[in-house]
């Protein structure tokens, strides 16, 4: 009986211990769950960051996005990315973020960092670097005049195809704490994705430059069209692999007649580019063969293309300009193409709206009507492809109105600068290639 009593007395004594152990275990589980949730949030943030970086298609935008994304992921006040030169020994670019306007002004005359101090340490030893006290670090060389006084640093090298491309630097966590191993891990992971993004942008640029050079080889150099002045410009599509079928041409014909053409072959590939070249050359031959009006020339071109090629559908506008009285007579025919834009000396702007006809390659039996307009001295006629005005967020009328306003605003520019302004500030979304040919009648 005494033993049973002693046993009954011992149970209440162990209960508080059990409660304490249970509470401690629950606290530990709660801490682990919180840490797990924090890790999941970091992972989600990292995934979002990688997607955001990979969407950029211009190198400056990618580099800045890498810096600002890293700052967001670890809550850093300052960030920078130093791009190394070819030797890998010095910085040739230094992209910064987080500096106030006053801090930027104070550093405006400082120039690029010379790779000394802790920045140079990461260049020489590209392992991840965490510093809790920058001034106390053996490699510290102090700060230039006007530089914010920094205490903490997290540095990670960025590699592209196995070579160190540059170094990512972060400083001063917003919560005042030094960077920890979790910060280091997430920034190292980001740096790996950043290297891939940088390489993709480099590849994108090489492909885009190659496609643009190929396209330009297919386009003519405008001949001397005096007494007219003429200028043309071609801009490739935003997508690097999108070879275009846009083209322009101008031909000086007998009796002081000038023929101009703008066209767009459907498609964005080598087939479209080849079809553009064959269509342009065939049209040139037809223009020299007879002195027919534009509608008749387009009808013959359509029949020839149907008979001897399998070219895709093509839109085009063919125009003739010849002297008439104190000015010139413009005669044109359109095969499903956007209308030309006429700009007078007084900056009055009008689209030459007329029966557009069907594109080439649709129905050779359809008529090709001609249209006519008198051109006064010092008038500018602008032929362009639809890539200049197409935008998914705007109606075609809205984009055409915007282009007309843009043309009027730059009407006083010399013609090469005028077409460049249209190509630089066009209302489209840039996802199609663009060709512009402008011709200006002389002063009288």
Protein backbone atom coordinates (compact mmCIF):
# COMPACT_ATOMS: atom_id res chain seq x y z
CA UNK A 1 0.00 0.00 0.00
CA UNK A 2 2.80 2.34 0.84
CA UNK A 3 4.39 1.66 -2.55
CA UNK A 4 1.13 2.40 -4.31
CA UNK A 5 0.81 5.65 -2.39
CA UNK A 6 4.35 6.60 -3.31
CA UNK A 7 3.57 5.82 -6.96
CA UNK A 8 0.44 7.93 -6.88
CA UNK A 9 2.42 10.79 -5.37
CA UNK A 10 5.09 10.59 -8.15
CA UNK A 11 2.68 11.04 -11.11
CA UNK A 12 1.78 14.68 -10.38
CA UNK A 13 5.48 15.41 -9.92
CA UNK A 14 6.29 14.19 -13.51
CA UNK A 15 3.39 16.01 -15.18
CA UNK A 16 5.01 19.47 -15.18
CA UNK A 17 8.16 17.96 -16.74
CA UNK A 18 6.07 16.41 -19.49
CA UNK A 19 4.28 19.69 -20.13
CA UNK A 20 7.59 21.55 -20.30
CA UNK A 21 9.10 19.02 -22.67
CA UNK A 22 5.97 19.08 -24.83
CA UNK A 23 5.93 22.87 -24.89
CA UNK A 24 9.64 22.96 -25.75
CA UNK A 25 9.07 20.47 -28.55
CA UNK A 26 6.15 22.50 -29.90
CA UNK A 27 8.30 25.64 -29.84
CA UNK A 28 11.05 23.78 -31.70
CA UNK A 29 8.53 22.50 -34.28
CA UNK A 30 7.12 26.00 -34.65
CA UNK A 31 10.61 27.41 -35.23
CA UNK A 32 11.32 24.74 -37.82
CA UNK A 33 8.02 25.41 -39.57
CA UNK A 34 8.76 29.13 -39.60
CA UNK A 35 12.23 28.45 -40.98
CA UNK A 36 10.72 26.13 -43.58
CA UNK A 37 8.17 28.76 -44.58
CA UNK A 38 10.93 31.36 -44.78
CA UNK A 39 12.96 29.02 -46.97
CA UNK A 40 9.94 28.41 -49.18
CA UNK A 41 9.38 32.15 -49.47
CA UNK A 42 13.03 32.62 -50.42
CA UNK A 43 12.80 29.83 -52.96
CA UNK A 44 9.63 31.30 -54.42
CA UNK A 45 11.27 34.72 -54.52
CA UNK A 46 14.30 33.20 -56.23
CA UNK A 47 12.14 31.48 -58.85
CA UNK A 48 10.26 34.72 -59.54
CA UNK A 49 13.59 36.56 -59.77
CA UNK A 50 15.04 34.05 -62.24
CA UNK A 51 11.96 34.35 -64.45
CA UNK A 52 12.13 38.17 -64.32
CA UNK A 53 15.81 38.20 -65.27
CA UNK A 54 15.32 35.73 -68.11
CA UNK A 55 12.65 37.95 -69.69
CA UNK A 56 15.08 40.79 -70.37
CA UNK A 57 16.53 40.86 -73.88
CA UNK A 58 18.95 43.81 -73.60
CA UNK A 59 22.21 43.43 -71.68
CA UNK A 60 22.04 46.72 -69.69
CA UNK A 61 18.53 45.81 -68.53
CA UNK A 62 19.66 42.30 -67.53
CA UNK A 63 22.59 43.61 -65.48
CA UNK A 64 20.46 46.16 -63.64
CA UNK A 65 17.75 43.58 -63.04
CA UNK A 66 20.31 41.22 -61.49
CA UNK A 67 21.40 43.89 -59.02
CA UNK A 68 17.94 45.03 -57.98
CA UNK A 69 16.66 41.45 -57.74
CA UNK A 70 19.53 40.41 -55.47
CA UNK A 71 18.83 43.43 -53.25
CA UNK A 72 15.17 42.45 -52.97
CA UNK A 73 15.95 38.82 -52.15
CA UNK A 74 18.16 39.60 -49.14
CA UNK A 75 16.78 43.00 -48.17
CA UNK A 76 19.95 44.98 -48.98
CA UNK A 77 20.08 48.76 -49.06
CA UNK A 78 22.83 48.95 -51.68
CA UNK A 79 23.80 46.77 -54.62
CA UNK A 80 26.31 46.83 -57.45
CA UNK A 81 27.57 44.66 -60.28
CA UNK A 82 31.09 45.07 -61.54
CA UNK A 83 31.75 43.73 -65.04
CA UNK A 84 35.35 42.66 -65.64
CA UNK A 85 37.40 43.57 -68.70
CA UNK A 86 38.76 40.91 -71.07
CA UNK A 87 41.82 40.29 -68.91
CA UNK A 88 39.61 39.73 -65.87
CA UNK A 89 41.80 42.00 -63.77
CA UNK A 90 39.89 45.29 -63.78
CA UNK A 91 36.32 46.56 -63.91
CA UNK A 92 35.04 48.01 -67.18
CA UNK A 93 31.47 48.57 -65.97
CA UNK A 94 29.98 49.21 -62.55
CA UNK A 95 26.21 49.17 -62.24
CA UNK A 96 24.88 50.48 -58.92
CA UNK A 97 21.48 50.61 -57.25
CA UNK A 98 20.17 51.99 -53.98
CA UNK A 99 22.16 55.24 -53.95
CA UNK A 100 20.22 58.38 -53.23
CA UNK A 101 20.42 61.31 -55.63
CA UNK A 102 22.70 63.12 -53.20
CA UNK A 103 25.00 60.10 -52.94
CA UNK A 104 25.15 59.80 -56.74
CA UNK A 105 26.02 63.49 -57.04
CA UNK A 106 28.77 63.10 -54.44
CA UNK A 107 30.28 60.22 -56.44
CA UNK A 108 29.79 61.73 -59.90
CA UNK A 109 33.48 62.57 -60.33
CA UNK A 110 34.85 59.41 -58.75
CA UNK A 111 34.87 57.22 -61.86
CA UNK A 112 34.92 53.45 -61.96
CA UNK A 113 36.25 51.56 -58.92
CA UNK A 114 39.82 50.45 -59.55
CA UNK A 115 39.35 46.99 -58.08
CA UNK A 116 41.15 47.77 -54.84
CA UNK A 117 40.09 46.86 -51.32
CA UNK A 118 37.37 44.29 -50.72
CA UNK A 119 36.07 44.72 -54.28
CA UNK A 120 39.45 43.68 -55.62
CA UNK A 121 39.61 40.82 -53.11
CA UNK A 122 36.57 39.22 -54.77
CA UNK A 123 38.12 39.76 -58.21
CA UNK A 124 41.27 37.90 -57.12
CA UNK A 125 39.50 35.26 -55.02
CA UNK A 126 36.09 34.60 -56.59
CA UNK A 127 34.64 32.54 -53.73
CA UNK A 128 31.54 33.96 -51.98
CA UNK A 129 32.57 36.69 -49.56
CA UNK A 130 30.71 37.76 -46.41
CA UNK A 131 32.09 40.60 -44.32
CA UNK A 132 30.50 41.85 -41.10
CA UNK A 133 32.93 44.76 -40.64
CA UNK A 134 34.34 46.18 -43.88
CA UNK A 135 36.81 48.66 -42.27
CA UNK A 136 38.30 45.86 -40.16
CA UNK A 137 38.82 43.48 -43.08
CA UNK A 138 42.51 43.01 -44.03
CA UNK A 139 41.79 43.87 -47.68
CA UNK A 140 39.88 47.06 -46.87
CA UNK A 141 41.29 50.19 -48.51
CA UNK A 142 38.75 52.71 -47.26
CA UNK A 143 36.06 54.53 -49.19
CA UNK A 144 36.46 57.32 -51.75
CA UNK A 145 35.30 60.81 -50.85
CA UNK A 146 31.52 61.10 -50.79
CA UNK A 147 30.97 57.33 -50.61
CA UNK A 148 28.45 56.04 -48.04
CA UNK A 149 30.15 54.46 -45.03
CA UNK A 150 29.35 50.77 -45.35
CA UNK A 151 29.72 48.12 -42.67
CA UNK A 152 28.65 44.81 -44.19
CA UNK A 153 29.20 43.16 -47.55
CA UNK A 154 28.08 40.08 -49.42
CA UNK A 155 29.95 39.43 -52.65
CA UNK A 156 29.41 36.66 -55.21
CA UNK A 157 31.12 36.08 -58.54
CA UNK A 158 29.03 35.61 -61.71
CA UNK A 159 30.36 33.13 -64.25
CA UNK A 160 29.44 32.88 -67.91
CA UNK A 161 30.50 29.72 -69.75
CA UNK A 162 33.06 28.90 -67.07
CA UNK A 163 34.69 32.35 -67.02
CA UNK A 164 34.21 35.04 -64.38
CA UNK A 165 32.07 37.72 -66.01
CA UNK A 166 31.81 40.03 -63.01
CA UNK A 167 31.02 40.32 -59.32
CA UNK A 168 27.77 41.04 -57.54
CA UNK A 169 28.10 43.16 -54.40
CA UNK A 170 25.43 43.76 -51.75
CA UNK A 171 25.76 45.92 -48.65
CA UNK A 172 23.78 46.89 -45.55
CA UNK A 173 20.75 44.75 -44.80
CA UNK A 174 17.72 46.90 -44.15
CA UNK A 175 17.15 45.22 -40.76
CA UNK A 176 20.64 46.19 -39.61
CA UNK A 177 21.85 42.57 -39.35
CA UNK A 178 24.92 41.20 -41.11
CA UNK A 179 24.41 38.91 -44.08
CA UNK A 180 24.04 35.26 -43.11
CA UNK A 181 24.58 31.91 -44.77
CA UNK A 182 20.99 31.88 -46.06
CA UNK A 183 21.60 35.20 -47.82
CA UNK A 184 24.78 33.79 -49.30
CA UNK A 185 23.06 30.65 -50.56
CA UNK A 186 20.22 32.51 -52.28
CA UNK A 187 22.58 35.04 -53.92
CA UNK A 188 24.89 32.24 -55.11
CA UNK A 189 21.85 30.55 -56.68
CA UNK A 190 20.81 33.84 -58.27
CA UNK A 191 24.33 34.36 -59.63
CA UNK A 192 24.13 30.98 -61.38
CA UNK A 193 20.88 31.98 -63.06
CA UNK A 194 22.33 35.41 -63.85
CA UNK A 195 25.23 33.85 -65.73
CA UNK A 196 22.81 31.87 -67.89
CA UNK A 197 20.69 35.00 -68.51
CA UNK A 198 23.75 37.02 -69.55
CA UNK A 199 24.86 34.29 -71.94
CA UNK A 200 21.35 34.06 -73.42
CA UNK A 201 21.30 37.80 -74.03
CA UNK A 202 24.71 37.61 -75.69
CA UNK A 203 23.46 34.80 -77.95
CA UNK A 204 20.26 36.77 -78.60
CA UNK A 205 22.31 39.77 -79.68
CA UNK A 206 24.57 37.72 -81.98
CA UNK A 207 21.57 36.12 -83.68
CA UNK A 208 19.80 39.45 -83.98
CA UNK A 209 22.83 41.14 -85.48
CA UNK A 210 23.32 38.24 -87.91
CA UNK A 211 19.67 38.29 -88.97
CA UNK A 212 19.76 42.04 -89.43
CA UNK A 213 22.95 41.88 -91.51
CA UNK A 214 21.46 39.14 -93.69
CA UNK A 215 18.29 41.14 -94.16
CA UNK A 216 20.19 44.30 -95.05
CA UNK A 217 22.19 42.42 -97.69
CA UNK A 218 18.90 41.71 -99.46
CA UNK A 219 17.86 45.37 -99.43
CA UNK A 220 19.05 47.83 -102.08
CA UNK A 221 21.03 51.00 -101.71
CA UNK A 222 18.82 53.82 -102.91
CA UNK A 223 20.01 55.33 -106.19
CA UNK A 224 20.43 59.03 -106.85
CA UNK A 225 16.82 60.16 -107.44
CA UNK A 226 17.44 63.84 -108.11
CA UNK A 227 15.63 66.18 -108.19
CA UNK A 228 14.02 64.27 -105.34
CA UNK A 229 15.65 63.42 -102.05
CA UNK A 230 14.97 60.00 -100.61
CA UNK A 231 15.84 58.05 -97.49
CA UNK A 232 15.00 54.57 -96.28
CA UNK A 233 15.48 52.60 -93.09
CA UNK A 234 14.99 49.02 -92.02
CA UNK A 235 14.59 47.79 -88.44
CA UNK A 236 14.44 44.07 -87.62
CA UNK A 237 11.83 42.51 -85.36
CA UNK A 238 12.44 42.33 -81.62
CA UNK A 239 12.72 38.54 -81.73
CA UNK A 240 16.23 37.54 -82.79
CA UNK A 241 15.20 34.64 -85.00
CA UNK A 242 12.52 36.61 -86.84
CA UNK A 243 13.90 37.24 -90.31
CA UNK A 244 11.52 39.55 -92.06
CA UNK A 245 9.96 39.86 -95.47
CA UNK A 246 9.78 43.67 -95.45
CA UNK A 247 11.52 45.52 -98.25
CA UNK A 248 11.70 48.81 -100.09
CA UNK A 249 13.06 49.84 -103.47
CA UNK A 250 13.33 52.87 -105.72
CA UNK A 251 14.10 52.91 -109.44
CA UNK A 252 14.87 55.84 -111.73
CA UNK A 253 12.98 55.27 -115.00
CA UNK A 254 13.20 57.11 -118.34
CA UNK A 255 11.57 60.54 -118.79
CA UNK A 256 12.41 61.62 -115.22
CA UNK A 257 9.98 59.11 -113.73
CA UNK A 258 10.72 57.59 -110.34
CA UNK A 259 9.18 54.31 -109.21
CA UNK A 260 9.08 53.48 -105.51
CA UNK A 261 7.84 50.33 -103.82
CA UNK A 262 7.28 49.12 -100.29
CA UNK A 263 6.33 45.53 -99.53
CA UNK A 264 5.88 42.86 -96.88
CA UNK A 265 6.01 39.12 -97.51
CA UNK A 266 3.96 37.15 -94.99
CA UNK A 267 6.16 35.14 -92.61
CA UNK A 268 9.29 35.53 -90.54
CA UNK A 269 11.81 33.01 -91.77
CA UNK A 270 14.32 32.30 -94.52
CA UNK A 271 11.52 31.47 -96.93
CA UNK A 272 9.97 34.92 -96.42
CA UNK A 273 13.35 36.60 -96.89
CA UNK A 274 14.04 34.63 -100.08
CA UNK A 275 10.55 35.35 -101.40
CA UNK A 276 11.07 39.03 -100.70
CA UNK A 277 14.30 39.06 -102.73
CA UNK A 278 12.79 37.21 -105.71
CA UNK A 279 9.65 39.41 -105.70
CA UNK A 280 11.72 42.59 -105.59
CA UNK A 281 13.96 41.49 -108.46
CA UNK A 282 11.01 40.36 -110.59
CA UNK A 283 9.26 43.69 -109.97
CA UNK A 284 12.36 45.60 -111.06
CA UNK A 285 12.44 43.69 -114.34
CA UNK A 286 8.77 44.43 -114.99
CA UNK A 287 9.26 48.13 -114.28
CA UNK A 288 12.03 48.38 -116.87
CA UNK A 289 10.19 46.24 -119.41
CA UNK A 290 7.27 48.61 -120.04
CA UNK A 291 6.06 52.01 -118.97
CA UNK A 292 2.80 50.66 -117.59
CA UNK A 293 0.82 52.26 -114.73
CA UNK A 294 1.41 50.73 -111.25
CA UNK A 295 -1.84 48.71 -111.24
CA UNK A 296 -0.93 46.96 -114.49
CA UNK A 297 2.60 46.23 -113.26
CA UNK A 298 1.27 44.69 -110.04
CA UNK A 299 -1.22 42.58 -112.00
CA UNK A 300 1.59 41.23 -114.22
CA UNK A 301 3.76 40.61 -111.14
CA UNK A 302 0.94 38.69 -109.46
CA UNK A 303 0.44 36.47 -112.50
CA UNK A 304 4.18 35.84 -112.85
CA UNK A 305 4.54 34.92 -109.20
CA UNK A 306 1.62 32.50 -109.46
CA UNK A 307 3.07 30.86 -112.55
CA UNK A 308 6.70 30.38 -111.60
CA UNK A 309 6.98 30.54 -107.80
CA UNK A 310 5.29 29.31 -104.65
CA UNK A 311 5.90 32.57 -102.82
CA UNK A 312 3.74 33.39 -99.81
CA UNK A 313 1.10 36.13 -99.75
CA UNK A 314 2.63 39.60 -100.12
CA UNK A 315 1.31 43.10 -99.53
CA UNK A 316 2.83 45.97 -101.45
CA UNK A 317 2.37 49.51 -102.73
CA UNK A 318 3.90 50.54 -106.07
CA UNK A 319 4.02 54.22 -107.01
CA UNK A 320 5.22 56.37 -109.92
CA UNK A 321 6.17 60.02 -109.57
CA UNK A 322 6.53 62.16 -112.67
CA UNK A 323 6.65 65.91 -113.42
CA UNK A 324 3.38 67.78 -113.88
CA UNK A 325 3.17 71.57 -114.13
CA UNK A 326 4.61 73.29 -111.03
CA UNK A 327 4.74 69.98 -109.14
CA UNK A 328 4.60 66.23 -109.63
CA UNK A 329 1.94 63.61 -110.14
CA UNK A 330 1.89 60.59 -107.85
CA UNK A 331 0.18 57.48 -109.26
CA UNK A 332 -0.01 54.39 -107.12
CA UNK A 333 -1.66 51.02 -106.72
CA UNK A 334 -1.92 49.01 -103.53
CA UNK A 335 -2.05 45.26 -102.96
CA UNK A 336 -3.50 45.02 -99.47
CA UNK A 337 -0.87 47.35 -97.99
CA UNK A 338 -1.14 50.17 -95.44
CA UNK A 339 -1.69 53.57 -97.10
CA UNK A 340 1.17 56.02 -97.73
CA UNK A 341 1.40 59.19 -95.65
CA UNK A 342 1.59 62.59 -97.33
CA UNK A 343 3.12 65.53 -95.47
CA UNK A 344 2.99 69.01 -97.04
CA UNK A 345 5.31 71.95 -96.53
CA UNK A 346 2.70 73.46 -94.16
CA UNK A 347 2.86 70.23 -92.09
CA UNK A 348 -0.59 69.12 -93.10
CA UNK A 349 -0.71 65.34 -92.86
CA UNK A 350 -3.01 63.00 -94.77
CA UNK A 351 -3.10 59.29 -95.51
CA UNK A 352 -3.66 58.45 -99.16
CA UNK A 353 -6.69 56.26 -98.54
CA UNK A 354 -7.97 54.41 -101.61
CA UNK A 355 -9.16 51.00 -102.71
CA UNK A 356 -6.43 48.77 -101.20
CA UNK A 357 -6.88 45.77 -103.50
CA UNK A 358 -6.04 42.23 -102.46
CA UNK A 359 -2.50 41.10 -101.60
CA UNK A 360 -0.36 39.38 -104.18
CA UNK A 361 -0.84 35.64 -104.20
CA UNK A 362 -4.57 35.73 -103.34
CA UNK A 363 -6.52 36.12 -106.60
CA UNK A 364 -4.88 37.16 -109.86
CA UNK A 365 -8.32 37.84 -111.39
CA UNK A 366 -9.00 40.78 -109.09
CA UNK A 367 -8.60 44.27 -110.63
CA UNK A 368 -5.64 46.46 -109.63
CA UNK A 369 -6.98 50.04 -109.70
CA UNK A 370 -4.66 53.04 -109.95
CA UNK A 371 -4.99 56.18 -107.83
CA UNK A 372 -3.57 59.62 -108.40
CA UNK A 373 -2.59 62.65 -106.34
CA UNK A 374 -0.83 65.92 -107.15
CA UNK A 375 2.33 66.51 -105.11
CA UNK A 376 3.27 70.15 -104.46
CA UNK A 377 6.87 71.30 -103.97
CA UNK A 378 8.54 70.38 -100.67
CA UNK A 379 6.07 67.59 -99.95
CA UNK A 380 7.09 64.34 -98.29
CA UNK A 381 5.52 61.02 -99.14
CA UNK A 382 6.16 58.21 -96.64
CA UNK A 383 5.78 54.53 -97.57
CA UNK A 384 6.02 52.06 -94.69
CA UNK A 385 5.17 48.51 -93.62
CA UNK A 386 2.60 47.59 -91.02
CA UNK A 387 5.30 46.77 -88.45
CA UNK A 388 5.52 50.52 -87.90
CA UNK A 389 1.96 50.77 -86.56
CA UNK A 390 0.83 47.35 -85.33
CA UNK A 391 0.22 47.15 -81.58
CA UNK A 392 -2.02 44.63 -79.79
CA UNK A 393 -3.21 47.29 -77.36
CA UNK A 394 -4.22 49.86 -79.99
CA UNK A 395 -6.53 49.90 -82.96
CA UNK A 396 -4.90 50.46 -86.33
CA UNK A 397 -6.61 53.87 -86.58
CA UNK A 398 -5.14 54.93 -83.23
CA UNK A 399 -1.66 53.91 -84.33
CA UNK A 400 -2.01 55.65 -87.70
CA UNK A 401 -3.11 58.85 -85.95
CA UNK A 402 -0.14 58.62 -83.61
CA UNK A 403 2.21 58.14 -86.55
CA UNK A 404 0.72 61.18 -88.30
CA UNK A 405 1.36 63.33 -85.21
CA UNK A 406 4.90 61.98 -85.00
CA UNK A 407 5.56 62.75 -88.67
CA UNK A 408 4.29 66.32 -88.32
CA UNK A 409 6.45 66.89 -85.24
CA UNK A 410 9.63 65.87 -87.12
CA UNK A 411 8.74 67.32 -90.54
CA UNK A 412 11.53 69.90 -90.47
CA UNK A 413 14.29 67.30 -90.15
CA UNK A 414 16.48 66.28 -93.09
CA UNK A 415 15.03 63.15 -94.63
CA UNK A 416 17.54 60.61 -93.19
CA UNK A 417 16.92 61.97 -89.68
CA UNK A 418 13.18 62.09 -90.35
CA UNK A 419 12.90 58.37 -91.18
CA UNK A 420 15.14 57.56 -88.21
CA UNK A 421 12.82 59.49 -85.91
CA UNK A 422 9.83 57.53 -87.21
CA UNK A 423 11.70 54.24 -86.69
CA UNK A 424 12.84 55.23 -83.18
CA UNK A 425 9.51 56.51 -81.86
CA UNK A 426 6.95 54.47 -83.79
CA UNK A 427 3.66 53.49 -82.11
CA UNK A 428 4.02 49.73 -82.67
CA UNK A 429 5.12 47.12 -80.10
CA UNK A 430 8.29 46.28 -82.05
CA UNK A 431 7.42 42.62 -82.63
CA UNK A 432 7.50 42.90 -86.41
CA UNK A 433 10.20 44.21 -88.68
CA UNK A 434 9.82 47.68 -90.15
CA UNK A 435 10.70 49.24 -93.49
CA UNK A 436 10.26 52.95 -94.28
CA UNK A 437 10.95 54.78 -97.52
CA UNK A 438 10.38 58.54 -97.68
CA UNK A 439 10.68 60.72 -100.76
CA UNK A 440 10.63 64.54 -100.71
CA UNK A 441 9.85 66.74 -103.69
CA UNK A 442 12.24 69.66 -104.25
CA UNK A 443 11.71 73.33 -103.43
CA UNK A 444 10.64 75.48 -106.31
